C-alpha atoms as a PDB file:
ATOM      1  CA  UNK A   1      70.553  36.973   3.091  1.00  0.00           C
ATOM      2  CA  UNK A   2      70.359  40.197   1.079  1.00  0.00           C
ATOM      3  CA  UNK A   3      66.988  40.977   2.644  1.00  0.00           C
ATOM      4  CA  UNK A   4      68.614  40.931   6.094  1.00  0.00           C
ATOM      5  CA  UNK A   5      70.781  43.827   4.942  1.00  0.00           C
ATOM      6  CA  UNK A   6      68.186  45.678   2.883  1.00  0.00           C
ATOM      7  CA  UNK A   7      65.401  46.003   5.440  1.00  0.00           C
ATOM      8  CA  UNK A   8      67.496  47.690   8.186  1.00  0.00           C
ATOM      9  CA  UNK A   9      69.379  49.742   5.547  1.00  0.00           C
ATOM     10  CA  UNK A  10      66.066  51.037   4.182  1.00  0.00           C
ATOM     11  CA  UNK A  11      64.849  51.857   7.688  1.00  0.00           C
ATOM     12  CA  UNK A  12      68.049  53.749   8.527  1.00  0.00           C
ATOM     13  CA  UNK A  13      67.969  55.632   5.210  1.00  0.00           C
ATOM     14  CA  UNK A  14      64.303  56.563   5.752  1.00  0.00           C
ATOM     15  CA  UNK A  15      65.075  57.785   9.269  1.00  0.00           C
ATOM     16  CA  UNK A  16      68.078  59.889   8.215  1.00  0.00           C
ATOM     17  CA  UNK A  17      66.241  61.408   5.249  1.00  0.00           C
ATOM     18  CA  UNK A  18      63.289  62.314   7.467  1.00  0.00           C
ATOM     19  CA  UNK A  19      65.602  64.017   9.973  1.00  0.00           C
ATOM     20  CA  UNK A  20      67.140  66.108   7.183  1.00  0.00           C
ATOM     21  CA  UNK A  21      63.715  66.957   5.754  1.00  0.00           C
ATOM     22  CA  UNK A  22      62.324  67.881   9.164  1.00  0.00           C
ATOM     23  CA  UNK A  23      65.162  70.366   9.643  1.00  0.00           C
ATOM     24  CA  UNK A  24      64.567  71.816   6.163  1.00  0.00           C
ATOM     25  CA  UNK A  25      60.814  72.108   6.728  1.00  0.00           C
ATOM     26  CA  UNK A  26      61.195  73.722  10.146  1.00  0.00           C
ATOM     27  CA  UNK A  27      63.704  76.190   8.701  1.00  0.00           C
ATOM     28  CA  UNK A  28      61.347  77.135   5.841  1.00  0.00           C
ATOM     29  CA  UNK A  29      57.846  75.777   6.516  1.00  0.00           C
ATOM     30  CA  UNK A  30      55.398  75.564   3.605  1.00  0.00           C
ATOM     31  CA  UNK A  31      58.051  76.630   1.066  1.00  0.00           C
ATOM     32  CA  UNK A  32      56.902  75.884  -2.488  1.00  0.00           C
ATOM     33  CA  UNK A  33      59.961  73.717  -3.229  1.00  0.00           C
ATOM     34  CA  UNK A  34      59.860  71.527  -0.107  1.00  0.00           C
ATOM     35  CA  UNK A  35      57.946  68.767  -1.892  1.00  0.00           C
ATOM     36  CA  UNK A  36      60.480  68.729  -4.732  1.00  0.00           C
ATOM     37  CA  UNK A  37      63.351  68.359  -2.266  1.00  0.00           C
ATOM     38  CA  UNK A  38      61.492  65.612  -0.397  1.00  0.00           C
ATOM     39  CA  UNK A  39      60.923  63.705  -3.635  1.00  0.00           C
ATOM     40  CA  UNK A  40      64.603  63.921  -4.553  1.00  0.00           C
ATOM     41  CA  UNK A  41      65.729  62.705  -1.137  1.00  0.00           C
ATOM     42  CA  UNK A  42      63.178  59.896  -0.776  1.00  0.00           C
ATOM     43  CA  UNK A  43      64.094  58.640  -4.242  1.00  0.00           C
ATOM     44  CA  UNK A  44      67.632  57.938  -2.988  1.00  0.00           C
ATOM     45  CA  UNK A  45      66.136  54.898  -1.263  1.00  0.00           C
ATOM     46  CA  UNK A  46      65.350  53.344  -4.651  1.00  0.00           C
ATOM     47  CA  UNK A  47      68.962  52.214  -4.904  1.00  0.00           C
ATOM     48  CA  UNK A  48      68.682  50.447  -1.555  1.00  0.00           C
ATOM     49  CA  UNK A  49      65.908  48.241  -2.954  1.00  0.00           C
ATOM     50  CA  UNK A  50      67.702  47.737  -6.272  1.00  0.00           C
ATOM     51  CA  UNK A  51      65.652  50.035  -8.483  1.00  0.00           C
ATOM     52  CA  UNK A  52      66.927  52.483 -11.094  1.00  0.00           C
ATOM     53  CA  UNK A  53      64.616  55.416 -11.770  1.00  0.00           C
ATOM     54  CA  UNK A  54      64.581  56.912 -15.267  1.00  0.00           C
ATOM     55  CA  UNK A  55      62.551  60.063 -15.900  1.00  0.00           C
ATOM     56  CA  UNK A  56      61.568  61.282 -19.359  1.00  0.00           C
ATOM     57  CA  UNK A  57      60.009  64.766 -19.410  1.00  0.00           C
ATOM     58  CA  UNK A  58      58.394  66.457 -22.369  1.00  0.00           C
ATOM     59  CA  UNK A  59      60.241  69.754 -23.022  1.00  0.00           C
ATOM     60  CA  UNK A  60      56.900  71.590 -23.083  1.00  0.00           C
ATOM     61  CA  UNK A  61      56.676  71.144 -19.285  1.00  0.00           C
ATOM     62  CA  UNK A  62      58.263  74.256 -17.761  1.00  0.00           C
ATOM     63  CA  UNK A  63      59.715  74.528 -14.270  1.00  0.00           C
ATOM     64  CA  UNK A  64      57.667  76.689 -11.859  1.00  0.00           C
ATOM     65  CA  UNK A  65      54.724  76.960 -14.262  1.00  0.00           C
ATOM     66  CA  UNK A  66      51.367  76.136 -12.605  1.00  0.00           C
ATOM     67  CA  UNK A  67      49.845  72.835 -13.697  1.00  0.00           C
ATOM     68  CA  UNK A  68      47.504  70.179 -12.368  1.00  0.00           C
ATOM     69  CA  UNK A  69      49.571  67.005 -12.273  1.00  0.00           C
ATOM     70  CA  UNK A  70      47.837  63.631 -12.349  1.00  0.00           C
ATOM     71  CA  UNK A  71      49.793  60.469 -11.549  1.00  0.00           C
ATOM     72  CA  UNK A  72      49.147  56.759 -11.192  1.00  0.00           C
ATOM     73  CA  UNK A  73      49.209  55.334  -7.667  1.00  0.00           C
ATOM     74  CA  UNK A  74      50.497  51.765  -7.397  1.00  0.00           C
ATOM     75  CA  UNK A  75      51.848  50.791  -3.980  1.00  0.00           C
ATOM     76  CA  UNK A  76      53.979  51.928  -1.043  1.00  0.00           C
ATOM     77  CA  UNK A  77      57.083  52.153  -3.238  1.00  0.00           C
ATOM     78  CA  UNK A  78      55.543  55.223  -4.926  1.00  0.00           C
ATOM     79  CA  UNK A  79      57.146  57.402  -2.234  1.00  0.00           C
ATOM     80  CA  UNK A  80      60.611  56.449  -3.538  1.00  0.00           C
ATOM     81  CA  UNK A  81      59.812  56.217  -7.253  1.00  0.00           C
ATOM     82  CA  UNK A  82      57.170  58.436  -8.843  1.00  0.00           C
ATOM     83  CA  UNK A  83      57.674  61.138  -6.203  1.00  0.00           C
ATOM     84  CA  UNK A  84      61.073  61.828  -7.785  1.00  0.00           C
ATOM     85  CA  UNK A  85      59.133  63.367 -10.685  1.00  0.00           C
ATOM     86  CA  UNK A  86      57.742  66.159  -8.457  1.00  0.00           C
ATOM     87  CA  UNK A  87      59.220  69.306 -10.003  1.00  0.00           C
ATOM     88  CA  UNK A  88      59.927  72.587  -8.170  1.00  0.00           C
ATOM     89  CA  UNK A  89      56.788  74.468  -7.211  1.00  0.00           C
ATOM     90  CA  UNK A  90      54.601  71.375  -6.751  1.00  0.00           C
ATOM     91  CA  UNK A  91      52.440  70.415  -3.774  1.00  0.00           C
ATOM     92  CA  UNK A  92      50.318  67.292  -3.448  1.00  0.00           C
ATOM     93  CA  UNK A  93      46.849  66.544  -2.132  1.00  0.00           C
ATOM     94  CA  UNK A  94      46.861  63.685   0.354  1.00  0.00           C
ATOM     95  CA  UNK A  95      44.722  62.037   3.005  1.00  0.00           C
ATOM     96  CA  UNK A  96      44.239  63.967   6.244  1.00  0.00           C
ATOM     97  CA  UNK A  97      45.211  60.839   8.185  1.00  0.00           C
ATOM     98  CA  UNK A  98      48.808  61.148   6.891  1.00  0.00           C
ATOM     99  CA  UNK A  99      49.545  63.876   9.426  1.00  0.00           C
ATOM    100  CA  UNK A 100      49.282  61.362  12.272  1.00  0.00           C
ATOM    101  CA  UNK A 101      52.255  59.319  11.005  1.00  0.00           C
ATOM    102  CA  UNK A 102      55.175  60.209  13.327  1.00  0.00           C
ATOM    103  CA  UNK A 103      57.754  62.538  11.718  1.00  0.00           C
ATOM    104  CA  UNK A 104      56.659  61.728   8.142  1.00  0.00           C
ATOM    105  CA  UNK A 105      53.227  63.237   8.771  1.00  0.00           C
ATOM    106  CA  UNK A 106      54.679  66.432  10.181  1.00  0.00           C
ATOM    107  CA  UNK A 107      57.074  66.668   7.210  1.00  0.00           C
ATOM    108  CA  UNK A 108      54.182  66.118   4.808  1.00  0.00           C
ATOM    109  CA  UNK A 109      52.236  68.984   6.403  1.00  0.00           C
ATOM    110  CA  UNK A 110      55.210  71.375   6.746  1.00  0.00           C
ATOM    111  CA  UNK A 111      56.136  70.715   3.108  1.00  0.00           C
ATOM    112  CA  UNK A 112      53.026  72.666   2.133  1.00  0.00           C
ATOM    113  CA  UNK A 113      50.977  69.709   0.950  1.00  0.00           C
ATOM    114  CA  UNK A 114      47.202  69.948   1.145  1.00  0.00           C
ATOM    115  CA  UNK A 115      45.315  67.540   3.399  1.00  0.00           C
ATOM    116  CA  UNK A 116      41.902  66.268   2.315  1.00  0.00           C
ATOM    117  CA  UNK A 117      39.157  64.696   4.429  1.00  0.00           C
ATOM    118  CA  UNK A 118      37.745  62.095   2.060  1.00  0.00           C
ATOM    119  CA  UNK A 119      35.065  61.031   4.528  1.00  0.00           C
ATOM    120  CA  UNK A 120      33.502  64.488   4.426  1.00  0.00           C
ATOM    121  CA  UNK A 121      32.455  65.505   0.911  1.00  0.00           C
ATOM    122  CA  UNK A 122      31.902  69.131   1.936  1.00  0.00           C
ATOM    123  CA  UNK A 123      35.380  69.471   3.373  1.00  0.00           C
ATOM    124  CA  UNK A 124      36.803  67.658   0.349  1.00  0.00           C
ATOM    125  CA  UNK A 125      35.283  70.312  -1.908  1.00  0.00           C
ATOM    126  CA  UNK A 126      36.769  73.019   0.338  1.00  0.00           C
ATOM    127  CA  UNK A 127      40.163  71.355  -0.112  1.00  0.00           C
ATOM    128  CA  UNK A 128      39.884  71.783  -3.873  1.00  0.00           C
ATOM    129  CA  UNK A 129      39.111  75.466  -3.269  1.00  0.00           C
ATOM    130  CA  UNK A 130      42.302  75.742  -1.189  1.00  0.00           C
ATOM    131  CA  UNK A 131      44.230  74.065  -3.997  1.00  0.00           C
ATOM    132  CA  UNK A 132      42.726  76.466  -6.535  1.00  0.00           C
ATOM    133  CA  UNK A 133      43.793  79.431  -4.392  1.00  0.00           C
ATOM    134  CA  UNK A 134      47.354  78.087  -4.181  1.00  0.00           C
ATOM    135  CA  UNK A 135      47.497  77.801  -7.947  1.00  0.00           C
ATOM    136  CA  UNK A 136      46.042  81.279  -8.488  1.00  0.00           C
ATOM    137  CA  UNK A 137      47.869  83.218  -5.757  1.00  0.00           C
ATOM    138  CA  UNK A 138      51.214  81.429  -5.412  1.00  0.00           C
ATOM    139  CA  UNK A 139      51.567  80.013  -8.935  1.00  0.00           C
ATOM    140  CA  UNK A 140      51.909  76.601  -7.335  1.00  0.00           C
ATOM    141  CA  UNK A 141      51.236  73.350  -9.178  1.00  0.00           C
ATOM    142  CA  UNK A 142      49.071  70.699  -7.541  1.00  0.00           C
ATOM    143  CA  UNK A 143      49.699  66.952  -7.829  1.00  0.00           C
ATOM    144  CA  UNK A 144      46.853  64.459  -7.434  1.00  0.00           C
ATOM    145  CA  UNK A 145      46.397  60.703  -7.718  1.00  0.00           C
ATOM    146  CA  UNK A 146      43.029  60.639  -9.560  1.00  0.00           C
ATOM    147  CA  UNK A 147      42.532  56.896  -9.013  1.00  0.00           C
ATOM    148  CA  UNK A 148      42.039  57.743  -5.337  1.00  0.00           C
ATOM    149  CA  UNK A 149      43.645  54.505  -4.134  1.00  0.00           C
ATOM    150  CA  UNK A 150      46.609  52.242  -4.839  1.00  0.00           C
ATOM    151  CA  UNK A 151      46.128  49.904  -7.782  1.00  0.00           C
ATOM    152  CA  UNK A 152      48.236  46.954  -6.501  1.00  0.00           C
ATOM    153  CA  UNK A 153      48.760  45.419  -9.925  1.00  0.00           C
ATOM    154  CA  UNK A 154      45.328  46.177 -11.372  1.00  0.00           C
ATOM    155  CA  UNK A 155      46.695  48.541 -13.998  1.00  0.00           C
ATOM    156  CA  UNK A 156      45.218  52.047 -14.228  1.00  0.00           C
ATOM    157  CA  UNK A 157      41.996  52.263 -12.219  1.00  0.00           C
ATOM    158  CA  UNK A 158      39.053  54.547 -13.089  1.00  0.00           C
ATOM    159  CA  UNK A 159      39.609  58.205 -12.233  1.00  0.00           C
ATOM    160  CA  UNK A 160      37.674  60.487  -9.907  1.00  0.00           C
ATOM    161  CA  UNK A 161      36.678  63.954 -11.116  1.00  0.00           C
ATOM    162  CA  UNK A 162      38.448  66.168  -8.539  1.00  0.00           C
ATOM    163  CA  UNK A 163      41.644  66.796 -10.516  1.00  0.00           C
ATOM    164  CA  UNK A 164      39.724  67.776 -13.629  1.00  0.00           C
ATOM    165  CA  UNK A 165      37.344  70.054 -11.740  1.00  0.00           C
ATOM    166  CA  UNK A 166      40.428  71.758 -10.315  1.00  0.00           C
ATOM    167  CA  UNK A 167      41.988  72.160 -13.764  1.00  0.00           C
ATOM    168  CA  UNK A 168      38.754  73.578 -15.156  1.00  0.00           C
ATOM    169  CA  UNK A 169      38.223  76.009 -12.296  1.00  0.00           C
ATOM    170  CA  UNK A 170      41.799  77.347 -12.465  1.00  0.00           C
ATOM    171  CA  UNK A 171      42.086  77.173 -16.258  1.00  0.00           C
ATOM    172  CA  UNK A 172      45.485  75.474 -15.908  1.00  0.00           C
ATOM    173  CA  UNK A 173      46.703  72.584 -18.101  1.00  0.00           C
ATOM    174  CA  UNK A 174      46.835  68.974 -16.945  1.00  0.00           C
ATOM    175  CA  UNK A 175      50.197  67.197 -16.964  1.00  0.00           C
ATOM    176  CA  UNK A 176      50.052  63.407 -16.897  1.00  0.00           C
ATOM    177  CA  UNK A 177      52.760  61.579 -14.928  1.00  0.00           C
ATOM    178  CA  UNK A 178      52.893  57.828 -15.510  1.00  0.00           C
ATOM    179  CA  UNK A 179      55.204  55.350 -13.794  1.00  0.00           C
ATOM    180  CA  UNK A 180      55.872  51.888 -15.221  1.00  0.00           C
ATOM    181  CA  UNK A 181      54.647  48.775 -13.457  1.00  0.00           C
ATOM    182  CA  UNK A 182      55.826  48.379  -9.854  1.00  0.00           C
ATOM    183  CA  UNK A 183      53.633  45.452  -8.864  1.00  0.00           C
ATOM    184  CA  UNK A 184      55.780  42.611  -7.491  1.00  0.00           C
ATOM    185  CA  UNK A 185      58.839  44.238  -9.068  1.00  0.00           C
ATOM    186  CA  UNK A 186      60.894  44.383  -5.878  1.00  0.00           C
ATOM    187  CA  UNK A 187      62.321  41.068  -4.688  1.00  0.00           C
ATOM    188  CA  UNK A 188      64.157  41.635  -1.421  1.00  0.00           C
ATOM    189  CA  UNK A 189      66.787  38.968  -2.094  1.00  0.00           C
ATOM    190  CA  UNK A 190      67.450  40.085  -5.691  1.00  0.00           C
ATOM    191  CA  UNK A 191      70.263  42.625  -6.058  1.00  0.00           C
ATOM    192  CA  UNK A 192      69.012  44.291  -9.257  1.00  0.00           C
ATOM    193  CA  UNK A 193      65.262  44.867  -9.377  1.00  0.00           C
ATOM    194  CA  UNK A 194      65.359  46.676 -12.689  1.00  0.00           C
ATOM    195  CA  UNK A 195      64.150  50.007 -14.021  1.00  0.00           C
ATOM    196  CA  UNK A 196      61.191  52.198 -13.167  1.00  0.00           C
ATOM    197  CA  UNK A 197      60.441  54.535 -16.067  1.00  0.00           C
ATOM    198  CA  UNK A 198      58.471  57.697 -15.280  1.00  0.00           C
ATOM    199  CA  UNK A 199      56.983  59.691 -18.141  1.00  0.00           C
ATOM    200  CA  UNK A 200      55.989  63.355 -17.715  1.00  0.00           C
ATOM    201  CA  UNK A 201      53.737  64.183 -20.656  1.00  0.00           C
ATOM    202  CA  UNK A 202      53.176  67.530 -22.344  1.00  0.00           C
ATOM    203  CA  UNK A 203      50.622  69.872 -20.707  1.00  0.00           C
ATOM    204  CA  UNK A 204      47.121  69.625 -22.127  1.00  0.00           C
ATOM    205  CA  UNK A 205      44.541  72.364 -21.644  1.00  0.00           C
ATOM    206  CA  UNK A 206      40.954  71.391 -20.840  1.00  0.00           C
ATOM    207  CA  UNK A 207      39.033  73.120 -23.594  1.00  0.00           C
ATOM    208  CA  UNK A 208      35.290  73.641 -23.648  1.00  0.00           C
ATOM    209  CA  UNK A 209      34.628  70.975 -26.288  1.00  0.00           C
ATOM    210  CA  UNK A 210      34.511  68.281 -23.573  1.00  0.00           C
ATOM    211  CA  UNK A 211      32.767  68.056 -20.225  1.00  0.00           C
ATOM    212  CA  UNK A 212      34.713  67.343 -17.041  1.00  0.00           C
ATOM    213  CA  UNK A 213      33.568  63.730 -17.150  1.00  0.00           C
ATOM    214  CA  UNK A 214      34.659  63.399 -20.781  1.00  0.00           C
ATOM    215  CA  UNK A 215      38.085  64.851 -19.946  1.00  0.00           C
ATOM    216  CA  UNK A 216      38.342  62.423 -17.040  1.00  0.00           C
ATOM    217  CA  UNK A 217      37.703  59.468 -19.367  1.00  0.00           C
ATOM    218  CA  UNK A 218      40.081  60.920 -21.965  1.00  0.00           C
ATOM    219  CA  UNK A 219      43.001  61.137 -19.535  1.00  0.00           C
ATOM    220  CA  UNK A 220      42.203  57.729 -18.074  1.00  0.00           C
ATOM    221  CA  UNK A 221      42.452  56.219 -21.556  1.00  0.00           C
ATOM    222  CA  UNK A 222      45.637  58.194 -22.255  1.00  0.00           C
ATOM    223  CA  UNK A 223      47.289  56.974 -19.071  1.00  0.00           C
ATOM    224  CA  UNK A 224      46.345  53.363 -19.802  1.00  0.00           C
ATOM    225  CA  UNK A 225      48.000  53.655 -23.206  1.00  0.00           C
ATOM    226  CA  UNK A 226      51.080  55.362 -21.769  1.00  0.00           C
ATOM    227  CA  UNK A 227      51.342  52.722 -19.023  1.00  0.00           C
ATOM    228  CA  UNK A 228      51.457  49.935 -21.594  1.00  0.00           C
ATOM    229  CA  UNK A 229      53.897  51.871 -23.757  1.00  0.00           C
ATOM    230  CA  UNK A 230      56.440  52.557 -21.015  1.00  0.00           C
ATOM    231  CA  UNK A 231      56.158  48.992 -19.689  1.00  0.00           C
ATOM    232  CA  UNK A 232      57.288  47.861 -23.151  1.00  0.00           C
ATOM    233  CA  UNK A 233      60.125  50.417 -23.014  1.00  0.00           C
ATOM    234  CA  UNK A 234      61.221  49.066 -19.633  1.00  0.00           C
ATOM    235  CA  UNK A 235      61.298  45.513 -20.996  1.00  0.00           C
ATOM    236  CA  UNK A 236      63.555  46.656 -23.833  1.00  0.00           C
ATOM    237  CA  UNK A 237      65.828  48.694 -21.533  1.00  0.00           C
ATOM    238  CA  UNK A 238      66.224  45.829 -19.080  1.00  0.00           C
ATOM    239  CA  UNK A 239      67.075  43.355 -21.864  1.00  0.00           C
ATOM    240  CA  UNK A 240      69.852  45.634 -23.110  1.00  0.00           C
ATOM    241  CA  UNK A 241      71.518  46.013 -19.691  1.00  0.00           C
END
């Protein structure tokens, strides 16, 4: 019975939030804080599906400082969970096909996010150049999902090199954002679906003692460890509720 309420409630909430965001984005298109506002508003839907989002941020991460953020990509609920961790001054890199989604696609574009054509390697490289220019000229941070696809319960997948090439070319630190396990966490007929813990790690500069590939493997290993660690934290938090 609860699902009969939740599904239309989620749809209505999504529609209303998109209307608000569309107005904001039309009023100030491509503003550097549009993505932050979108993340805060979309995360309101977490309560509708019975999730509580807890964010722990290392104090070394400063607001409006340029970083290359890397985050794990799990499933469609990411838009209402890990996106809450998008700080002011952050834009994301997403698939070009997103712009064809009615309303949401236009919001995604007007928010200042960068669209990448993954089917065309030359254009994909040009997208990283655009991202590098945003970091250099506007002091904007860029958020990427280095796995390149949703994991759907497979843990942390191998990374692609794009995020680390971007960090190297701009000489900006990498900030790792890790969300606890979301796979099969939401049961539509269960009122309380527990906690999603999101960890924002301290910035780490890519020094010359490692190659881009070595840094890619390093951060992949780090995120796997962090994923296991925060999953254990979630278990403990949920037991104490």
